[in-house]
Amino acid sequence: MTISIRLTADQESRLEMLARRTGRSKSFYVRTALHEYLADMEDAFAADAAIDAFEAGGRRSRPLSELATRSDS
């Protein structure tokens, strides 16, 4: 599949320089960046769905700062 994107001059220059320095293609770095971004976004959406399901079950989430200051003694 072919996709066209517009890069800023700075992005294009940096991508070109990285490709030249490493002997890899610009496409390699674009695919690698997209792969990492998609993995991060999938994780974020899965986390959102998990907290929504948790709270839909009548449970309440609390901030870590509240848990850290809670005394169980």
PDB file of N, CA and C in Angstrom:
ATOM      1  N   MET A   1       0.845  -1.167   0.000  1.00  0.00           N
ATOM      2  CA  MET A   1       0.000   0.000   0.000  1.00  0.00           C
ATOM      3  C   MET A   1       0.895   1.236   0.000  1.00  0.00           C
ATOM      4  N   THR A   2       0.546   2.180  -0.784  1.00  0.00           N
ATOM      5  CA  THR A   2       1.305   3.424  -0.858  1.00  0.00           C
ATOM      6  C   THR A   2       0.496   4.542  -0.229  1.00  0.00           C
ATOM      7  N   ILE A   3       1.163   5.331   0.600  1.00  0.00           N
ATOM      8  CA  ILE A   3       0.534   6.481   1.248  1.00  0.00           C
ATOM      9  C   ILE A   3       1.444   7.677   1.037  1.00  0.00           C
ATOM     10  N   SER A   4       0.842   8.824   0.774  1.00  0.00           N
ATOM     11  CA  SER A   4       1.612  10.061   0.656  1.00  0.00           C
ATOM     12  C   SER A   4       1.389  10.891   1.908  1.00  0.00           C
ATOM     13  N   ILE A   5       2.465  11.478   2.410  1.00  0.00           N
ATOM     14  CA  ILE A   5       2.358  12.368   3.565  1.00  0.00           C
ATOM     15  C   ILE A   5       3.159  13.630   3.279  1.00  0.00           C
ATOM     16  N   ARG A   6       2.783  14.692   3.953  1.00  0.00           N
ATOM     17  CA  ARG A   6       3.530  15.949   3.825  1.00  0.00           C
ATOM     18  C   ARG A   6       4.391  16.105   5.070  1.00  0.00           C
ATOM     19  N   LEU A   7       5.661  16.336   4.847  1.00  0.00           N
ATOM     20  CA  LEU A   7       6.600  16.568   5.937  1.00  0.00           C
ATOM     21  C   LEU A   7       7.031  18.021   5.915  1.00  0.00           C
ATOM     22  N   THR A   8       7.373  18.519   7.089  1.00  0.00           N
ATOM     23  CA  THR A   8       7.971  19.851   7.124  1.00  0.00           C
ATOM     24  C   THR A   8       9.379  19.729   6.545  1.00  0.00           C
ATOM     25  N   ALA A   9       9.962  20.839   6.189  1.00  0.00           N
ATOM     26  CA  ALA A   9      11.328  20.829   5.661  1.00  0.00           C
ATOM     27  C   ALA A   9      12.288  20.231   6.684  1.00  0.00           C
ATOM     28  N   ASP A  10      12.084  20.565   7.965  1.00  0.00           N
ATOM     29  CA  ASP A  10      12.937  20.033   9.023  1.00  0.00           C
ATOM     30  C   ASP A  10      12.790  18.522   9.140  1.00  0.00           C
ATOM     31  N   GLN A  11      11.562  18.019   9.111  1.00  0.00           N
ATOM     32  CA  GLN A  11      11.346  16.570   9.198  1.00  0.00           C
ATOM     33  C   GLN A  11      11.979  15.856   8.009  1.00  0.00           C
ATOM     34  N   GLU A  12      11.795  16.411   6.840  1.00  0.00           N
ATOM     35  CA  GLU A  12      12.362  15.801   5.637  1.00  0.00           C
ATOM     36  C   GLU A  12      13.887  15.767   5.713  1.00  0.00           C
ATOM     37  N   SER A  13      14.484  16.856   6.143  1.00  0.00           N
ATOM     38  CA  SER A  13      15.931  16.936   6.257  1.00  0.00           C
ATOM     39  C   SER A  13      16.466  15.936   7.271  1.00  0.00           C
ATOM     40  N   ARG A  14      15.814  15.871   8.422  1.00  0.00           N
ATOM     41  CA  ARG A  14      16.259  14.945   9.473  1.00  0.00           C
ATOM     42  C   ARG A  14      16.117  13.497   9.030  1.00  0.00           C
ATOM     43  N   LEU A  15      15.008  13.179   8.361  1.00  0.00           N
ATOM     44  CA  LEU A  15      14.784  11.825   7.878  1.00  0.00           C
ATOM     45  C   LEU A  15      15.821  11.454   6.822  1.00  0.00           C
ATOM     46  N   GLU A  16      16.085  12.365   5.915  1.00  0.00           N
ATOM     47  CA  GLU A  16      17.089  12.131   4.868  1.00  0.00           C
ATOM     48  C   GLU A  16      18.470  11.906   5.472  1.00  0.00           C
ATOM     49  N   MET A  17      18.839  12.732   6.452  1.00  0.00           N
ATOM     50  CA  MET A  17      20.145  12.610   7.080  1.00  0.00           C
ATOM     51  C   MET A  17      20.277  11.286   7.843  1.00  0.00           C
ATOM     52  N   LEU A  18      19.232  10.907   8.558  1.00  0.00           N
ATOM     53  CA  LEU A  18      19.252   9.641   9.287  1.00  0.00           C
ATOM     54  C   LEU A  18      19.398   8.467   8.330  1.00  0.00           C
ATOM     55  N   ALA A  19      18.660   8.508   7.239  1.00  0.00           N
ATOM     56  CA  ALA A  19      18.738   7.431   6.246  1.00  0.00           C
ATOM     57  C   ALA A  19      20.138   7.338   5.643  1.00  0.00           C
ATOM     58  N   ARG A  20      20.714   8.485   5.318  1.00  0.00           N
ATOM     59  CA  ARG A  20      22.074   8.480   4.753  1.00  0.00           C
ATOM     60  C   ARG A  20      23.093   7.953   5.742  1.00  0.00           C
ATOM     61  N   ARG A  21      23.008   8.405   6.989  1.00  0.00           N
ATOM     62  CA  ARG A  21      23.979   8.001   8.014  1.00  0.00           C
ATOM     63  C   ARG A  21      23.926   6.510   8.324  1.00  0.00           C
ATOM     64  N   THR A  22      22.745   5.935   8.238  1.00  0.00           N
ATOM     65  CA  THR A  22      22.590   4.540   8.650  1.00  0.00           C
ATOM     66  C   THR A  22      22.522   3.558   7.496  1.00  0.00           C
ATOM     67  N   GLY A  23      22.350   4.072   6.289  1.00  0.00           N
ATOM     68  CA  GLY A  23      22.243   3.171   5.140  1.00  0.00           C
ATOM     69  C   GLY A  23      20.872   2.512   5.039  1.00  0.00           C
ATOM     70  N   ARG A  24      19.929   2.972   5.824  1.00  0.00           N
ATOM     71  CA  ARG A  24      18.558   2.459   5.761  1.00  0.00           C
ATOM     72  C   ARG A  24      17.730   3.400   4.899  1.00  0.00           C
ATOM     73  N   SER A  25      16.588   2.915   4.446  1.00  0.00           N
ATOM     74  CA  SER A  25      15.731   3.761   3.619  1.00  0.00           C
ATOM     75  C   SER A  25      14.867   4.665   4.495  1.00  0.00           C
ATOM     76  N   LYS A  26      14.434   5.748   3.893  1.00  0.00           N
ATOM     77  CA  LYS A  26      13.503   6.641   4.593  1.00  0.00           C
ATOM     78  C   LYS A  26      12.218   5.878   4.906  1.00  0.00           C
ATOM     79  N   SER A  27      11.791   5.024   3.986  1.00  0.00           N
ATOM     80  CA  SER A  27      10.582   4.231   4.199  1.00  0.00           C
ATOM     81  C   SER A  27      10.721   3.328   5.425  1.00  0.00           C
ATOM     82  N   PHE A  28      11.913   2.793   5.639  1.00  0.00           N
ATOM     83  CA  PHE A  28      12.146   1.956   6.820  1.00  0.00           C
ATOM     84  C   PHE A  28      11.839   2.737   8.087  1.00  0.00           C
ATOM     85  N   TYR A  29      12.330   3.963   8.172  1.00  0.00           N
ATOM     86  CA  TYR A  29      12.126   4.763   9.381  1.00  0.00           C
ATOM     87  C   TYR A  29      10.675   5.215   9.530  1.00  0.00           C
ATOM     88  N   VAL A  30      10.011   5.509   8.433  1.00  0.00           N
ATOM     89  CA  VAL A  30       8.598   5.888   8.505  1.00  0.00           C
ATOM     90  C   VAL A  30       7.769   4.684   8.965  1.00  0.00           C
ATOM     91  N   ARG A  31       8.046   3.499   8.418  1.00  0.00           N
ATOM     92  CA  ARG A  31       7.324   2.291   8.840  1.00  0.00           C
ATOM     93  C   ARG A  31       7.597   1.974  10.301  1.00  0.00           C
ATOM     94  N   THR A  32       8.864   2.116  10.733  1.00  0.00           N
ATOM     95  CA  THR A  32       9.217   1.850  12.130  1.00  0.00           C
ATOM     96  C   THR A  32       8.504   2.817  13.068  1.00  0.00           C
ATOM     97  N   ALA A  33       8.496   4.090  12.715  1.00  0.00           N
ATOM     98  CA  ALA A  33       7.822   5.094  13.546  1.00  0.00           C
ATOM     99  C   ALA A  33       6.324   4.817  13.615  1.00  0.00           C
ATOM    100  N   LEU A  34       5.723   4.463  12.497  1.00  0.00           N
ATOM    101  CA  LEU A  34       4.295   4.166  12.476  1.00  0.00           C
ATOM    102  C   LEU A  34       3.993   2.931  13.319  1.00  0.00           C
ATOM    103  N   HIS A  35       4.826   1.917  13.216  1.00  0.00           N
ATOM    104  CA  HIS A  35       4.644   0.700  14.010  1.00  0.00           C
ATOM    105  C   HIS A  35       4.650   1.025  15.503  1.00  0.00           C
ATOM    106  N   GLU A  36       5.626   1.815  15.939  1.00  0.00           N
ATOM    107  CA  GLU A  36       5.723   2.187  17.354  1.00  0.00           C
ATOM    108  C   GLU A  36       4.523   3.032  17.783  1.00  0.00           C
ATOM    109  N   TYR A  37       4.134   3.980  16.969  1.00  0.00           N
ATOM    110  CA  TYR A  37       3.001   4.855  17.291  1.00  0.00           C
ATOM    111  C   TYR A  37       1.718   4.041  17.410  1.00  0.00           C
ATOM    112  N   LEU A  38       1.481   3.151  16.455  1.00  0.00           N
ATOM    113  CA  LEU A  38       0.271   2.341  16.503  1.00  0.00           C
ATOM    114  C   LEU A  38       0.239   1.463  17.744  1.00  0.00           C
ATOM    115  N   ALA A  39       1.373   0.880  18.111  1.00  0.00           N
ATOM    116  CA  ALA A  39       1.431   0.052  19.323  1.00  0.00           C
ATOM    117  C   ALA A  39       1.096   0.885  20.555  1.00  0.00           C
ATOM    118  N   ASP A  40       1.648   2.091  20.641  1.00  0.00           N
ATOM    119  CA  ASP A  40       1.360   2.978  21.770  1.00  0.00           C
ATOM    120  C   ASP A  40      -0.118   3.353  21.815  1.00  0.00           C
ATOM    121  N   MET A  41      -0.696   3.684  20.667  1.00  0.00           N
ATOM    122  CA  MET A  41      -2.104   4.073  20.621  1.00  0.00           C
ATOM    123  C   MET A  41      -3.018   2.899  20.968  1.00  0.00           C
ATOM    124  N   GLU A  42      -2.684   1.707  20.488  1.00  0.00           N
ATOM    125  CA  GLU A  42      -3.475   0.527  20.825  1.00  0.00           C
ATOM    126  C   GLU A  42      -3.440   0.268  22.328  1.00  0.00           C
ATOM    127  N   ASP A  43      -2.269   0.426  22.938  1.00  0.00           N
ATOM    128  CA  ASP A  43      -2.150   0.268  24.393  1.00  0.00           C
ATOM    129  C   ASP A  43      -2.983   1.307  25.134  1.00  0.00           C
ATOM    130  N   ALA A  44      -2.951   2.540  24.679  1.00  0.00           N
ATOM    131  CA  ALA A  44      -3.705   3.614  25.328  1.00  0.00           C
ATOM    132  C   ALA A  44      -5.206   3.351  25.242  1.00  0.00           C
ATOM    133  N   PHE A  45      -5.685   2.939  24.087  1.00  0.00           N
ATOM    134  CA  PHE A  45      -7.109   2.654  23.948  1.00  0.00           C
ATOM    135  C   PHE A  45      -7.515   1.426  24.758  1.00  0.00           C
ATOM    136  N   ALA A  46      -6.647   0.431  24.836  1.00  0.00           N
ATOM    137  CA  ALA A  46      -6.948  -0.746  25.664  1.00  0.00           C
ATOM    138  C   ALA A  46      -7.023  -0.355  27.134  1.00  0.00           C
ATOM    139  N   ALA A  47      -6.140   0.519  27.582  1.00  0.00           N
ATOM    140  CA  ALA A  47      -6.163   0.984  28.970  1.00  0.00           C
ATOM    141  C   ALA A  47      -7.435   1.769  29.243  1.00  0.00           C
ATOM    142  N   ASP A  48      -7.838   2.630  28.314  1.00  0.00           N
ATOM    143  CA  ASP A  48      -9.086   3.388  28.477  1.00  0.00           C
ATOM    144  C   ASP A  48     -10.286   2.442  28.574  1.00  0.00           C
ATOM    145  N   ALA A  49     -10.320   1.423  27.730  1.00  0.00           N
ATOM    146  CA  ALA A  49     -11.425   0.462  27.753  1.00  0.00           C
ATOM    147  C   ALA A  49     -11.438  -0.306  29.066  1.00  0.00           C
ATOM    148  N   ALA A  50     -10.255  -0.650  29.573  1.00  0.00           N
ATOM    149  CA  ALA A  50     -10.173  -1.396  30.837  1.00  0.00           C
ATOM    150  C   ALA A  50     -10.684  -0.559  32.005  1.00  0.00           C
ATOM    151  N   ILE A  51     -10.319   0.709  32.065  1.00  0.00           N
ATOM    152  CA  ILE A  51     -10.785   1.560  33.172  1.00  0.00           C
ATOM    153  C   ILE A  51     -12.279   1.822  33.033  1.00  0.00           C
ATOM    154  N   ASP A  52     -12.781   1.965  31.799  1.00  0.00           N
ATOM    155  CA  ASP A  52     -14.225   2.143  31.597  1.00  0.00           C
ATOM    156  C   ASP A  52     -14.988   0.915  32.086  1.00  0.00           C
ATOM    157  N   ALA A  53     -14.482  -0.274  31.757  1.00  0.00           N
ATOM    158  CA  ALA A  53     -15.129  -1.516  32.206  1.00  0.00           C
ATOM    159  C   ALA A  53     -15.058  -1.635  33.734  1.00  0.00           C
ATOM    160  N   PHE A  54     -13.933  -1.262  34.314  1.00  0.00           N
ATOM    161  CA  PHE A  54     -13.758  -1.294  35.764  1.00  0.00           C
ATOM    162  C   PHE A  54     -14.798  -0.400  36.430  1.00  0.00           C
ATOM    163  N   GLU A  55     -14.920   0.820  35.946  1.00  0.00           N
ATOM    164  CA  GLU A  55     -15.856   1.770  36.540  1.00  0.00           C
ATOM    165  C   GLU A  55     -17.308   1.421  36.232  1.00  0.00           C
ATOM    166  N   ALA A  56     -17.585   0.789  35.086  1.00  0.00           N
ATOM    167  CA  ALA A  56     -18.946   0.360  34.748  1.00  0.00           C
ATOM    168  C   ALA A  56     -19.417  -0.740  35.697  1.00  0.00           C
ATOM    169  N   GLY A  57     -18.486  -1.447  36.301  1.00  0.00           N
ATOM    170  CA  GLY A  57     -18.808  -2.494  37.276  1.00  0.00           C
ATOM    171  C   GLY A  57     -19.091  -1.927  38.655  1.00  0.00           C
ATOM    172  N   GLY A  58     -19.200  -0.605  38.760  1.00  0.00           N
ATOM    173  CA  GLY A  58     -19.514   0.024  40.027  1.00  0.00           C
ATOM    174  C   GLY A  58     -18.313   0.287  40.906  1.00  0.00           C
ATOM    175  N   ARG A  59     -17.145   0.011  40.408  1.00  0.00           N
ATOM    176  CA  ARG A  59     -15.928   0.270  41.193  1.00  0.00           C
ATOM    177  C   ARG A  59     -15.413   1.663  40.894  1.00  0.00           C
ATOM    178  N   ARG A  60     -14.673   2.207  41.824  1.00  0.00           N
ATOM    179  CA  ARG A  60     -14.163   3.569  41.678  1.00  0.00           C
ATOM    180  C   ARG A  60     -12.643   3.524  41.580  1.00  0.00           C
ATOM    181  N   SER A  61     -12.126   4.232  40.621  1.00  0.00           N
ATOM    182  CA  SER A  61     -10.670   4.345  40.516  1.00  0.00           C
ATOM    183  C   SER A  61     -10.212   5.504  41.385  1.00  0.00           C
ATOM    184  N   ARG A  62      -8.980   5.425  41.841  1.00  0.00           N
ATOM    185  CA  ARG A  62      -8.415   6.489  42.674  1.00  0.00           C
ATOM    186  C   ARG A  62      -7.044   6.850  42.150  1.00  0.00           C
ATOM    187  N   PRO A  63      -6.653   8.099  42.312  1.00  0.00           N
ATOM    188  CA  PRO A  63      -5.310   8.494  41.856  1.00  0.00           C
ATOM    189  C   PRO A  63      -4.221   7.823  42.700  1.00  0.00           C
ATOM    190  N   LEU A  64      -3.100   7.593  42.098  1.00  0.00           N
ATOM    191  CA  LEU A  64      -1.981   6.960  42.789  1.00  0.00           C
ATOM    192  C   LEU A  64      -1.579   7.756  44.026  1.00  0.00           C
ATOM    193  N   SER A  65      -1.651   9.075  43.947  1.00  0.00           N
ATOM    194  CA  SER A  65      -1.262   9.901  45.098  1.00  0.00           C
ATOM    195  C   SER A  65      -2.136   9.590  46.315  1.00  0.00           C
ATOM    196  N   GLU A  66      -3.403   9.284  46.091  1.00  0.00           N
ATOM    197  CA  GLU A  66      -4.289   8.923  47.197  1.00  0.00           C
ATOM    198  C   GLU A  66      -3.906   7.568  47.790  1.00  0.00           C
ATOM    199  N   LEU A  67      -3.560   6.640  46.949  1.00  0.00           N
ATOM    200  CA  LEU A  67      -3.164   5.323  47.433  1.00  0.00           C
ATOM    201  C   LEU A  67      -1.832   5.378  48.166  1.00  0.00           C
ATOM    202  N   ALA A  68      -0.935   6.227  47.700  1.00  0.00           N
ATOM    203  CA  ALA A  68       0.399   6.324  48.296  1.00  0.00           C
ATOM    204  C   ALA A  68       0.346   6.912  49.699  1.00  0.00           C
ATOM    205  N   THR A  69      -0.639   7.757  49.965  1.00  0.00           N
ATOM    206  CA  THR A  69      -0.724   8.393  51.287  1.00  0.00           C
ATOM    207  C   THR A  69      -1.645   7.637  52.240  1.00  0.00           C
ATOM    208  N   ARG A  70      -2.320   6.626  51.745  1.00  0.00           N
ATOM    209  CA  ARG A  70      -3.244   5.851  52.579  1.00  0.00           C
ATOM    210  C   ARG A  70      -2.474   5.009  53.569  1.00  0.00           C
ATOM    211  N   SER A  71      -2.909   5.024  54.798  1.00  0.00           N
ATOM    212  CA  SER A  71      -2.250   4.247  55.855  1.00  0.00           C
ATOM    213  C   SER A  71      -3.071   2.993  56.136  1.00  0.00           C
ATOM    214  N   ASP A  72      -2.445   1.835  56.013  1.00  0.00           N
ATOM    215  CA  ASP A  72      -3.135   0.562  56.306  1.00  0.00           C
ATOM    216  C   ASP A  72      -2.825   0.066  57.702  1.00  0.00           C
ATOM    217  N   SER A  73      -2.139   0.838  58.515  1.00  0.00           N
ATOM    218  CA  SER A  73      -1.757   0.338  59.827  1.00  0.00           C
ATOM    219  C   SER A  73      -2.792   0.617  60.866  1.00  0.00           C
TER     220      SER A  73
END
